[in-house]
Amino acid sequence: MDQVMDKTTASPLDRVTMADGLSFSRLVYGMWRVGDDADTSAAHVRAKIDACLDQGITTLDQADIYGDYTAEAILGQAFKADPALRQKVEIVTKCDIVAPCGKYADVAVKHYDTSRAHIEASVDNSLRDLGTDYIDLLLIHRPDPLMDHAETGAALDDLVKAGKIRAAGVSNFRPWDVKLLQSAMSTRLATNQIEISLARVEPFTDGDLSYHQRKDDPVMAWSPLGGGSLMTADTALTARMDALAAEFGVDRSAVAVAFLLRHPACILPVLGTNSLDRIARISDAAKVSLSRVQWFQLYEAALGREVA
């Protein structure tokens, strides 16, 4: 049986239990930019997925809003071309952001919608666009100031019971937001996807990671490369990253990912790129085993000061 392992010693190729009967690859392929690629054909998308599968990366991260509400359908083409592919991967997708683009081009203002009606309609649209009859994990994308936690929680529970989603979670929620929604649910929220990286280290001390670590909840990390800034900047931090990269025979991205994997909380980095070459090297983080001293060297460089 898959178990949540000691992440200080686990390999990025190990798997993580997210819910009963559901496990994810420790590294996740993020598809928020799939619609930006010049080639969005089913064959090219399949090549990206195959490059992931070759490394043991089976979990794909989506959202209804990605690509102005087109990214799920782009991925769905690959499943429709080869229905057997769906059984080889796990799909994460998200809902609740309503932005004035794509199918919502006529809305007056960007907003969030966690009503039962919107969540259920979003899931049905995602299932249709993805060409599947179930989603492995549905996340509420952003905290909604108008969320009726009882309504939202009941909607998520009912979707799990109906088999349309295997598990539910949240994204960008603070601990109190998680507690509020969980209080109205019988299904355990599987994860919180938050921004964590060497470019954003606040979650290590602001209570976000501590809250989930205490509960043994896996945490998904979006933008683990700082939105690409960690790959292009020339700073004391990137100099330290380059020194470690040279030592381990990898590039900066592998060091940035290894920094997250070294933490004892169960962090699943979500990495997105359209380059087949870079996709093929996502698992290079497995080559990097940071000592406590090396981890703190990176952390202090990220802080720009010595720890107190």
Protein backbone atom coordinates (compact mmCIF):
# COMPACT_ATOMS: atom_id res chain seq x y z
CA MET A 1 0.00 0.00 0.00
CA ASP A 2 1.24 3.50 -0.79
CA GLN A 3 2.18 5.47 2.27
CA VAL A 4 3.16 9.04 3.00
CA MET A 5 6.87 8.54 3.57
CA ASP A 6 9.62 10.45 5.33
CA LYS A 7 10.24 13.11 2.71
CA THR A 8 13.75 13.88 3.96
CA THR A 9 14.88 10.51 2.59
CA ALA A 10 12.25 9.65 -0.03
CA SER A 11 12.99 9.71 -3.73
CA PRO A 12 11.06 12.06 -6.04
CA LEU A 13 10.03 8.87 -7.82
CA ASP A 14 8.14 7.61 -4.75
CA ARG A 15 4.37 7.93 -4.58
CA VAL A 16 2.21 9.78 -2.08
CA THR A 17 -1.18 8.71 -0.76
CA MET A 18 -3.72 11.49 -1.27
CA ALA A 19 -6.92 9.68 -0.27
CA ASP A 20 -8.15 6.13 0.12
CA GLY A 21 -7.15 4.26 -3.02
CA LEU A 22 -5.60 7.35 -4.63
CA SER A 23 -1.88 8.00 -4.88
CA PHE A 24 0.06 10.61 -6.85
CA SER A 25 3.57 10.76 -8.19
CA ARG A 26 5.73 12.93 -5.94
CA LEU A 27 6.50 15.22 -8.88
CA VAL A 28 3.53 16.64 -10.78
CA TYR A 29 3.41 17.93 -14.34
CA GLY A 30 1.63 21.29 -14.50
CA MET A 31 -0.30 22.01 -17.69
CA TRP A 32 -1.24 25.67 -17.20
CA ARG A 33 0.84 26.65 -20.26
CA VAL A 34 -0.19 23.81 -22.56
CA GLY A 35 -2.36 26.19 -24.59
CA ASP A 36 0.58 28.56 -25.11
CA ASP A 37 2.51 25.99 -27.14
CA ALA A 38 2.61 26.51 -30.90
CA ASP A 39 1.72 22.83 -31.22
CA THR A 40 -1.36 21.77 -29.25
CA SER A 41 -2.03 18.63 -31.27
CA ALA A 42 -2.98 15.41 -29.52
CA ALA A 43 0.28 13.84 -30.69
CA HIS A 44 2.43 16.60 -29.18
CA VAL A 45 0.51 16.59 -25.90
CA ARG A 46 0.93 12.80 -25.82
CA ALA A 47 4.69 13.23 -26.29
CA LYS A 48 4.78 15.44 -23.19
CA ILE A 49 2.81 12.91 -21.17
CA ASP A 50 5.02 10.06 -22.36
CA ALA A 51 8.11 12.04 -21.31
CA CYS A 52 6.56 12.29 -17.85
CA LEU A 53 5.56 8.64 -17.70
CA ASP A 54 9.09 7.61 -18.64
CA GLN A 55 10.19 9.17 -15.33
CA GLY A 56 7.37 7.80 -13.20
CA ILE A 57 5.51 11.12 -13.25
CA THR A 58 1.85 10.18 -13.60
CA THR A 59 0.00 13.15 -12.09
CA LEU A 60 -1.17 15.98 -14.37
CA ASP A 61 -2.28 19.33 -12.96
CA GLN A 62 -5.00 21.30 -14.76
CA ALA A 63 -7.64 23.94 -14.06
CA ASP A 64 -10.75 24.97 -15.92
CA ILE A 65 -9.38 28.52 -16.36
CA TYR A 66 -6.03 27.51 -17.85
CA GLY A 67 -5.55 28.67 -21.42
CA ASP A 68 -8.63 30.91 -21.12
CA TYR A 69 -10.71 27.79 -20.43
CA THR A 70 -9.16 25.72 -23.26
CA ALA A 71 -6.39 23.69 -21.60
CA GLU A 72 -8.59 20.84 -20.39
CA ALA A 73 -9.91 20.24 -23.91
CA ILE A 74 -6.35 20.24 -25.27
CA LEU A 75 -5.45 17.47 -22.82
CA GLY A 76 -8.72 15.72 -23.60
CA GLN A 77 -7.67 15.33 -27.24
CA ALA A 78 -4.86 13.04 -26.13
CA PHE A 79 -7.25 10.87 -24.11
CA LYS A 80 -9.71 10.69 -26.98
CA ALA A 81 -6.89 9.62 -29.33
CA ASP A 82 -5.90 6.83 -26.93
CA PRO A 83 -8.50 6.07 -24.25
CA ALA A 84 -6.07 3.68 -22.50
CA LEU A 85 -3.86 6.65 -21.64
CA ARG A 86 -6.40 7.90 -19.10
CA GLN A 87 -5.77 4.88 -16.87
CA LYS A 88 -2.05 5.64 -16.73
CA VAL A 89 -2.40 9.09 -15.18
CA GLU A 90 -4.13 11.02 -12.41
CA ILE A 91 -5.88 14.28 -13.23
CA VAL A 92 -6.01 17.26 -10.89
CA THR A 93 -8.22 20.13 -11.95
CA LYS A 94 -9.66 23.22 -10.31
CA CYS A 95 -12.72 25.44 -10.41
CA ASP A 96 -14.32 28.60 -8.99
CA ILE A 97 -12.47 31.37 -10.89
CA VAL A 98 -14.78 33.20 -13.29
CA ALA A 99 -12.72 35.56 -15.42
CA PRO A 100 -13.83 37.71 -18.39
CA CYS A 101 -12.26 35.52 -21.08
CA GLY A 102 -13.13 32.43 -23.10
CA LYS A 103 -16.57 31.09 -22.27
CA TYR A 104 -17.01 33.80 -19.62
CA ALA A 105 -15.97 36.69 -21.88
CA ASP A 106 -19.16 38.57 -21.12
CA VAL A 107 -18.90 38.62 -17.31
CA ALA A 108 -18.55 42.12 -15.86
CA VAL A 109 -15.78 41.39 -13.37
CA LYS A 110 -13.41 38.60 -12.43
CA HIS A 111 -14.79 36.81 -9.39
CA TYR A 112 -14.99 33.51 -7.53
CA ASP A 113 -18.00 31.22 -7.42
CA THR A 114 -18.16 28.37 -4.91
CA SER A 115 -21.90 27.84 -5.18
CA ARG A 116 -23.15 24.30 -5.65
CA ALA A 117 -24.53 25.16 -9.08
CA HIS A 118 -21.22 26.53 -10.32
CA ILE A 119 -19.09 23.72 -8.90
CA GLU A 120 -21.33 21.03 -10.37
CA ALA A 121 -21.47 22.75 -13.77
CA SER A 122 -17.69 23.21 -13.76
CA VAL A 123 -17.11 19.54 -13.01
CA ASP A 124 -19.47 18.46 -15.79
CA ASN A 125 -17.71 20.81 -18.23
CA SER A 126 -14.30 19.50 -17.16
CA LEU A 127 -15.39 15.89 -17.58
CA ARG A 128 -16.65 16.66 -21.06
CA ASP A 129 -13.57 18.62 -22.12
CA LEU A 130 -11.17 16.06 -20.67
CA GLY A 131 -13.05 13.18 -22.25
CA THR A 132 -13.26 11.22 -19.01
CA ASP A 133 -15.95 10.15 -16.57
CA TYR A 134 -14.05 10.98 -13.38
CA ILE A 135 -11.55 13.48 -12.01
CA ASP A 136 -8.99 12.20 -9.52
CA LEU A 137 -8.76 15.42 -7.51
CA LEU A 138 -10.86 18.59 -7.71
CA LEU A 139 -9.49 21.71 -6.04
CA ILE A 140 -11.32 24.90 -5.14
CA HIS A 141 -8.92 27.25 -6.91
CA ARG A 142 -9.11 30.38 -4.73
CA PRO A 143 -10.73 31.29 -1.42
CA ASP A 144 -14.11 32.85 -2.09
CA PRO A 145 -15.10 35.67 0.30
CA LEU A 146 -18.74 34.76 -0.35
CA MET A 147 -18.27 31.01 0.20
CA ASP A 148 -21.12 29.35 2.06
CA HIS A 149 -19.00 26.59 3.55
CA ALA A 150 -22.00 24.36 4.20
CA GLU A 151 -23.14 24.58 0.56
CA THR A 152 -19.65 24.20 -0.88
CA GLY A 153 -18.73 21.35 1.44
CA ALA A 154 -21.93 19.45 0.70
CA ALA A 155 -21.40 19.90 -3.05
CA LEU A 156 -17.88 18.45 -2.83
CA ASP A 157 -19.04 15.54 -0.67
CA ASP A 158 -21.82 14.75 -3.13
CA LEU A 159 -19.43 14.81 -6.10
CA VAL A 160 -17.22 12.27 -4.33
CA LYS A 161 -20.24 10.09 -3.52
CA ALA A 162 -21.39 10.30 -7.15
CA GLY A 163 -17.97 9.14 -8.38
CA LYS A 164 -17.41 12.22 -10.51
CA ILE A 165 -14.36 13.10 -8.39
CA ARG A 166 -12.25 10.72 -6.31
CA ALA A 167 -11.12 13.38 -3.85
CA ALA A 168 -11.50 17.09 -3.12
CA GLY A 169 -9.02 19.70 -1.97
CA VAL A 170 -8.25 23.39 -2.05
CA SER A 171 -5.72 25.79 -3.50
CA ASN A 172 -4.33 29.04 -2.08
CA PHE A 173 -6.28 28.57 1.16
CA ARG A 174 -4.91 29.69 4.53
CA PRO A 175 -5.28 27.30 7.49
CA TRP A 176 -8.45 29.03 8.72
CA ASP A 177 -10.03 28.75 5.27
CA VAL A 178 -9.25 25.04 5.22
CA LYS A 179 -10.71 24.55 8.70
CA LEU A 180 -13.91 26.36 7.74
CA LEU A 181 -14.57 24.26 4.65
CA GLN A 182 -13.50 20.99 6.32
CA SER A 183 -15.91 21.64 9.17
CA ALA A 184 -18.82 21.22 6.75
CA MET A 185 -17.54 18.06 5.03
CA SER A 186 -17.55 14.35 5.74
CA THR A 187 -14.85 13.82 3.09
CA ARG A 188 -11.33 14.72 4.18
CA LEU A 189 -9.77 17.50 2.09
CA ALA A 190 -6.83 15.83 0.37
CA THR A 191 -4.44 18.74 -0.11
CA ASN A 192 -3.85 22.46 -0.35
CA GLN A 193 -1.97 23.70 -3.43
CA ILE A 194 -0.05 26.84 -2.47
CA GLU A 195 2.82 28.89 -3.85
CA ILE A 196 6.12 27.72 -2.34
CA SER A 197 9.61 28.14 -3.75
CA LEU A 198 13.01 29.66 -3.09
CA ALA A 199 11.40 32.84 -4.42
CA ARG A 200 8.57 32.56 -1.88
CA VAL A 201 9.71 31.03 1.41
CA GLU A 202 7.04 32.55 3.68
CA PRO A 203 5.05 29.27 4.00
CA PHE A 204 7.97 27.73 5.89
CA THR A 205 7.31 30.07 8.83
CA ASP A 206 3.85 31.65 8.41
CA GLY A 207 1.95 28.58 9.59
CA ASP A 208 0.83 27.21 6.23
CA LEU A 209 3.22 24.26 6.07
CA SER A 210 3.10 23.69 9.83
CA TYR A 211 -0.68 23.34 9.75
CA HIS A 212 -0.64 20.70 7.03
CA GLN A 213 2.45 18.94 8.37
CA ARG A 214 0.75 18.47 11.74
CA LYS A 215 -2.25 16.91 9.99
CA ASP A 216 -0.08 14.74 7.68
CA ASP A 217 -1.69 16.43 4.70
CA PRO A 218 0.31 16.44 1.46
CA VAL A 219 0.87 19.96 0.11
CA MET A 220 1.13 20.74 -3.58
CA ALA A 221 3.53 23.56 -4.49
CA TRP A 222 2.70 25.70 -7.51
CA SER A 223 5.36 27.84 -9.19
CA PRO A 224 8.27 25.97 -7.52
CA LEU A 225 10.67 27.80 -9.85
CA GLY A 226 9.32 31.21 -8.89
CA GLY A 227 7.45 31.64 -12.15
CA GLY A 228 10.76 31.13 -13.97
CA SER A 229 12.54 33.91 -12.08
CA LEU A 230 14.85 31.41 -10.38
CA MET A 231 16.03 30.24 -13.78
CA THR A 232 16.82 33.67 -15.20
CA ALA A 233 17.96 35.83 -12.28
CA ASP A 234 21.58 36.54 -11.41
CA THR A 235 21.69 36.92 -7.64
CA ALA A 236 23.47 35.58 -4.57
CA LEU A 237 20.71 32.96 -4.38
CA THR A 238 21.11 31.77 -7.95
CA ALA A 239 24.90 31.74 -7.50
CA ARG A 240 24.41 29.36 -4.57
CA MET A 241 22.00 27.29 -6.65
CA ASP A 242 24.51 27.11 -9.49
CA ALA A 243 27.27 25.95 -7.14
CA LEU A 244 25.08 23.13 -5.85
CA ALA A 245 23.88 22.31 -9.35
CA ALA A 246 27.48 21.89 -10.48
CA GLU A 247 28.20 19.67 -7.48
CA PHE A 248 25.29 17.36 -8.28
CA GLY A 249 25.55 17.54 -12.08
CA VAL A 250 22.12 19.10 -12.62
CA ASP A 251 20.67 22.54 -13.42
CA ARG A 252 19.12 25.16 -11.16
CA SER A 253 15.62 23.78 -11.49
CA ALA A 254 16.61 20.45 -9.95
CA VAL A 255 18.16 22.26 -6.98
CA ALA A 256 15.02 24.39 -6.53
CA VAL A 257 12.83 21.30 -6.55
CA ALA A 258 15.15 19.38 -4.23
CA PHE A 259 14.92 22.28 -1.76
CA LEU A 260 11.18 21.65 -1.46
CA LEU A 261 11.52 17.87 -1.36
CA ARG A 262 14.01 18.09 1.52
CA HIS A 263 11.41 19.59 3.86
CA PRO A 264 9.73 17.05 6.20
CA ALA A 265 6.28 18.21 5.13
CA CYS A 266 4.94 16.24 2.19
CA ILE A 267 5.45 18.76 -0.64
CA LEU A 268 4.57 17.79 -4.21
CA PRO A 269 6.15 20.32 -6.62
CA VAL A 270 4.03 21.11 -9.69
CA LEU A 271 6.34 21.83 -12.62
CA GLY A 272 5.11 23.22 -15.92
CA THR A 273 6.99 23.62 -19.19
CA ASN A 274 6.23 23.03 -22.85
CA SER A 275 9.82 21.99 -23.66
CA LEU A 276 10.14 18.24 -24.15
CA ASP A 277 13.79 18.50 -23.15
CA ARG A 278 12.96 20.19 -19.86
CA ILE A 279 10.09 17.81 -19.19
CA ALA A 280 12.50 14.90 -19.62
CA ARG A 281 14.72 16.40 -16.88
CA ILE A 282 12.06 17.07 -14.24
CA SER A 283 13.17 14.02 -12.27
CA ASP A 284 16.77 15.28 -12.07
CA ALA A 285 15.78 16.43 -8.58
CA ALA A 286 16.29 12.78 -7.62
CA LYS A 287 20.03 13.33 -8.11
CA VAL A 288 20.14 16.07 -5.47
CA SER A 289 20.35 15.12 -1.79
CA LEU A 290 20.70 18.32 0.20
CA SER A 291 22.27 18.24 3.63
CA ARG A 292 20.81 20.40 6.39
CA VAL A 293 23.68 22.85 5.92
CA GLN A 294 23.14 23.06 2.16
CA TRP A 295 19.41 23.57 2.67
CA PHE A 296 20.05 26.45 5.07
CA GLN A 297 22.58 27.97 2.70
CA LEU A 298 19.81 28.20 0.11
CA TYR A 299 17.26 29.37 2.67
CA GLU A 300 19.48 32.18 3.94
CA ALA A 301 20.27 33.23 0.39
CA ALA A 302 16.54 33.34 -0.33
CA LEU A 303 15.93 35.42 2.80
CA GLY A 304 18.82 37.73 1.98
CA ARG A 305 20.07 37.51 5.55
CA GLU A 306 21.30 35.13 8.20
CA VAL A 307 18.59 33.34 10.17
CA ALA A 308 17.98 34.95 13.56
